[in-house]
């Protein structure tokens, strides 16, 4: 029986390349990460409120149209 060869690099190569790429990343500082998190949460709340209001208005409108 012939010994099965794996692809050059394989899983070990994948992890080696991944760790090399992660070293190149410019990570945000803690204050930057906190500020960006706050921005994301505010945007989520605003968009959620907007969609909730639209849902309420369309529900009322269709209720009036359909007589429900």
N, C-alpha and C. Protein backbone atom coordinates (compact mmCIF):
# COMPACT_ATOMS: atom_id res chain seq x y z
N UNK A 1 0.83 -1.19 0.00
CA UNK A 1 0.00 0.00 0.00
C UNK A 1 0.88 1.25 0.00
N UNK A 2 0.51 2.17 -0.86
CA UNK A 2 1.25 3.42 -0.93
C UNK A 2 0.74 4.37 0.14
N UNK A 3 1.65 5.11 0.70
CA UNK A 3 1.29 6.08 1.73
C UNK A 3 0.61 7.28 1.06
N UNK A 4 -0.55 7.66 1.60
CA UNK A 4 -1.31 8.75 1.01
C UNK A 4 -0.67 10.08 1.36
N UNK A 5 -0.43 10.90 0.35
CA UNK A 5 0.19 12.21 0.59
C UNK A 5 -0.90 13.27 0.72
N UNK A 6 -0.65 14.22 1.59
CA UNK A 6 -1.59 15.33 1.75
C UNK A 6 -1.13 16.49 0.88
N UNK A 7 -2.00 17.45 0.71
CA UNK A 7 -1.66 18.64 -0.07
C UNK A 7 -0.55 19.40 0.64
N UNK A 8 0.32 20.05 -0.13
CA UNK A 8 1.35 20.86 0.53
C UNK A 8 0.68 21.99 1.31
N UNK A 9 1.11 22.17 2.51
CA UNK A 9 0.52 23.19 3.37
C UNK A 9 -0.56 22.58 4.24
N UNK A 10 -1.62 22.14 3.65
CA UNK A 10 -2.73 21.50 4.37
C UNK A 10 -3.24 22.35 5.51
N UNK A 11 -3.66 21.68 6.55
CA UNK A 11 -4.22 22.38 7.72
C UNK A 11 -3.16 23.20 8.43
N UNK A 12 -1.96 22.64 8.55
CA UNK A 12 -0.89 23.39 9.22
C UNK A 12 -0.57 24.68 8.46
N UNK A 13 -0.54 24.60 7.15
CA UNK A 13 -0.28 25.79 6.34
C UNK A 13 -1.38 26.82 6.51
N UNK A 14 -2.62 26.34 6.59
CA UNK A 14 -3.75 27.24 6.80
C UNK A 14 -3.59 28.03 8.10
N UNK A 15 -3.26 27.32 9.20
CA UNK A 15 -3.11 28.00 10.48
C UNK A 15 -1.89 28.92 10.49
N UNK A 16 -0.83 28.52 9.81
CA UNK A 16 0.37 29.36 9.74
C UNK A 16 0.06 30.65 8.99
N UNK A 17 -0.64 30.53 7.85
CA UNK A 17 -0.99 31.71 7.07
C UNK A 17 -2.00 32.59 7.80
N UNK A 18 -2.93 31.96 8.51
CA UNK A 18 -3.93 32.73 9.27
C UNK A 18 -3.26 33.55 10.36
N UNK A 19 -2.35 32.93 11.11
CA UNK A 19 -1.67 33.68 12.18
C UNK A 19 -0.80 34.79 11.60
N UNK A 20 -0.19 34.57 10.43
CA UNK A 20 0.61 35.62 9.80
C UNK A 20 -0.28 36.79 9.39
N UNK A 21 -1.47 36.50 8.87
CA UNK A 21 -2.38 37.57 8.47
C UNK A 21 -2.90 38.34 9.68
N UNK A 22 -3.18 37.63 10.78
CA UNK A 22 -3.69 38.31 11.97
C UNK A 22 -2.65 39.24 12.58
N UNK A 23 -1.37 38.95 12.37
CA UNK A 23 -0.32 39.84 12.87
C UNK A 23 -0.27 41.14 12.08
N UNK A 24 -0.78 41.13 10.86
CA UNK A 24 -0.78 42.33 10.01
C UNK A 24 -1.96 43.25 10.31
N UNK A 25 -2.95 42.76 11.04
CA UNK A 25 -4.17 43.52 11.28
C UNK A 25 -3.89 44.70 12.19
N UNK A 26 -4.49 45.83 11.87
CA UNK A 26 -4.39 47.01 12.72
C UNK A 26 -5.59 46.98 13.68
N UNK A 27 -5.38 46.49 14.89
CA UNK A 27 -6.46 46.33 15.85
C UNK A 27 -6.79 47.67 16.49
N UNK A 28 -8.08 47.94 16.75
CA UNK A 28 -8.46 49.21 17.39
C UNK A 28 -8.06 49.20 18.87
N UNK A 29 -7.84 50.40 19.39
CA UNK A 29 -7.54 50.50 20.82
C UNK A 29 -8.83 50.25 21.60
N UNK A 30 -8.69 50.06 22.90
CA UNK A 30 -9.88 49.80 23.72
C UNK A 30 -10.88 50.95 23.65
N UNK A 31 -10.45 52.22 23.78
CA UNK A 31 -11.43 53.32 23.66
C UNK A 31 -12.11 53.36 22.29
N UNK A 32 -11.35 53.09 21.22
CA UNK A 32 -11.96 53.06 19.90
C UNK A 32 -13.01 51.96 19.80
N UNK A 33 -12.69 50.78 20.34
CA UNK A 33 -13.63 49.66 20.29
C UNK A 33 -14.90 49.98 21.09
N UNK A 34 -14.74 50.63 22.23
CA UNK A 34 -15.90 51.00 23.04
C UNK A 34 -16.77 52.01 22.31
N UNK A 35 -16.14 53.02 21.70
CA UNK A 35 -16.90 54.03 20.96
C UNK A 35 -17.63 53.42 19.76
N UNK A 36 -16.96 52.54 19.04
CA UNK A 36 -17.60 51.90 17.89
C UNK A 36 -18.74 51.00 18.34
N UNK A 37 -18.60 50.35 19.48
CA UNK A 37 -19.68 49.53 20.02
C UNK A 37 -20.89 50.38 20.35
N UNK A 38 -20.65 51.55 20.94
CA UNK A 38 -21.74 52.47 21.26
C UNK A 38 -22.45 52.92 19.99
N UNK A 39 -21.68 53.23 18.95
CA UNK A 39 -22.28 53.67 17.68
C UNK A 39 -23.16 52.55 17.11
N UNK A 40 -22.67 51.33 17.13
CA UNK A 40 -23.44 50.20 16.59
C UNK A 40 -24.73 50.02 17.38
N UNK A 41 -24.67 50.10 18.71
CA UNK A 41 -25.87 49.92 19.53
C UNK A 41 -26.89 51.02 19.27
N UNK A 42 -26.42 52.26 19.11
CA UNK A 42 -27.33 53.37 18.84
C UNK A 42 -28.00 53.18 17.48
N UNK A 43 -27.22 52.79 16.48
CA UNK A 43 -27.79 52.57 15.14
C UNK A 43 -28.82 51.45 15.19
N UNK A 44 -28.53 50.38 15.93
CA UNK A 44 -29.48 49.27 16.06
C UNK A 44 -30.78 49.75 16.68
N UNK A 45 -30.70 50.55 17.74
CA UNK A 45 -31.90 51.06 18.40
C UNK A 45 -32.70 51.98 17.48
N UNK A 46 -32.02 52.86 16.76
CA UNK A 46 -32.72 53.79 15.87
C UNK A 46 -33.40 53.04 14.73
N UNK A 47 -32.70 52.12 14.10
CA UNK A 47 -33.29 51.36 12.99
C UNK A 47 -34.43 50.48 13.52
N UNK A 48 -34.25 49.88 14.69
CA UNK A 48 -35.31 49.05 15.27
C UNK A 48 -36.56 49.86 15.56
N UNK A 49 -36.38 51.07 16.10
CA UNK A 49 -37.53 51.94 16.37
C UNK A 49 -38.21 52.36 15.07
N UNK A 50 -37.42 52.70 14.07
CA UNK A 50 -37.97 53.10 12.77
C UNK A 50 -38.79 51.97 12.16
N UNK A 51 -38.23 50.76 12.16
CA UNK A 51 -38.96 49.62 11.60
C UNK A 51 -40.20 49.28 12.42
N UNK A 52 -40.12 49.44 13.74
CA UNK A 52 -41.28 49.20 14.59
C UNK A 52 -42.40 50.17 14.29
N UNK A 53 -42.05 51.44 14.10
CA UNK A 53 -43.06 52.45 13.76
C UNK A 53 -43.69 52.16 12.40
N UNK A 54 -42.84 51.80 11.41
CA UNK A 54 -43.38 51.45 10.09
C UNK A 54 -44.30 50.25 10.19
N UNK A 55 -43.94 49.25 10.95
CA UNK A 55 -44.77 48.06 11.12
C UNK A 55 -46.12 48.43 11.73
N UNK A 56 -46.09 49.28 12.75
CA UNK A 56 -47.32 49.71 13.39
C UNK A 56 -48.22 50.47 12.42
N UNK A 57 -47.61 51.41 11.66
CA UNK A 57 -48.40 52.20 10.72
C UNK A 57 -48.99 51.34 9.61
N UNK A 58 -48.19 50.43 9.05
CA UNK A 58 -48.71 49.57 7.99
C UNK A 58 -49.77 48.61 8.52
N UNK A 59 -49.62 48.14 9.73
CA UNK A 59 -50.64 47.26 10.32
C UNK A 59 -51.96 48.01 10.46
N UNK A 60 -51.89 49.25 10.94
CA UNK A 60 -53.10 50.06 11.08
C UNK A 60 -53.72 50.35 9.72
N UNK A 61 -52.88 50.67 8.74
CA UNK A 61 -53.37 51.00 7.42
C UNK A 61 -54.07 49.79 6.78
N UNK A 62 -53.46 48.63 6.85
CA UNK A 62 -54.08 47.45 6.28
C UNK A 62 -55.33 47.04 7.07
N UNK A 63 -55.33 47.30 8.37
CA UNK A 63 -56.52 47.03 9.15
C UNK A 63 -57.69 47.90 8.72
N UNK A 64 -57.41 49.16 8.42
CA UNK A 64 -58.47 50.06 7.95
C UNK A 64 -58.94 49.68 6.55
N UNK A 65 -58.01 49.30 5.69
CA UNK A 65 -58.36 48.93 4.32
C UNK A 65 -59.19 47.66 4.29
N UNK A 66 -58.75 46.65 5.04
CA UNK A 66 -59.42 45.36 5.03
C UNK A 66 -60.60 45.28 6.00
N UNK A 67 -60.76 46.28 6.81
CA UNK A 67 -61.87 46.33 7.75
C UNK A 67 -61.76 45.35 8.90
N UNK A 68 -60.53 45.08 9.31
CA UNK A 68 -60.33 44.12 10.40
C UNK A 68 -60.36 44.81 11.74
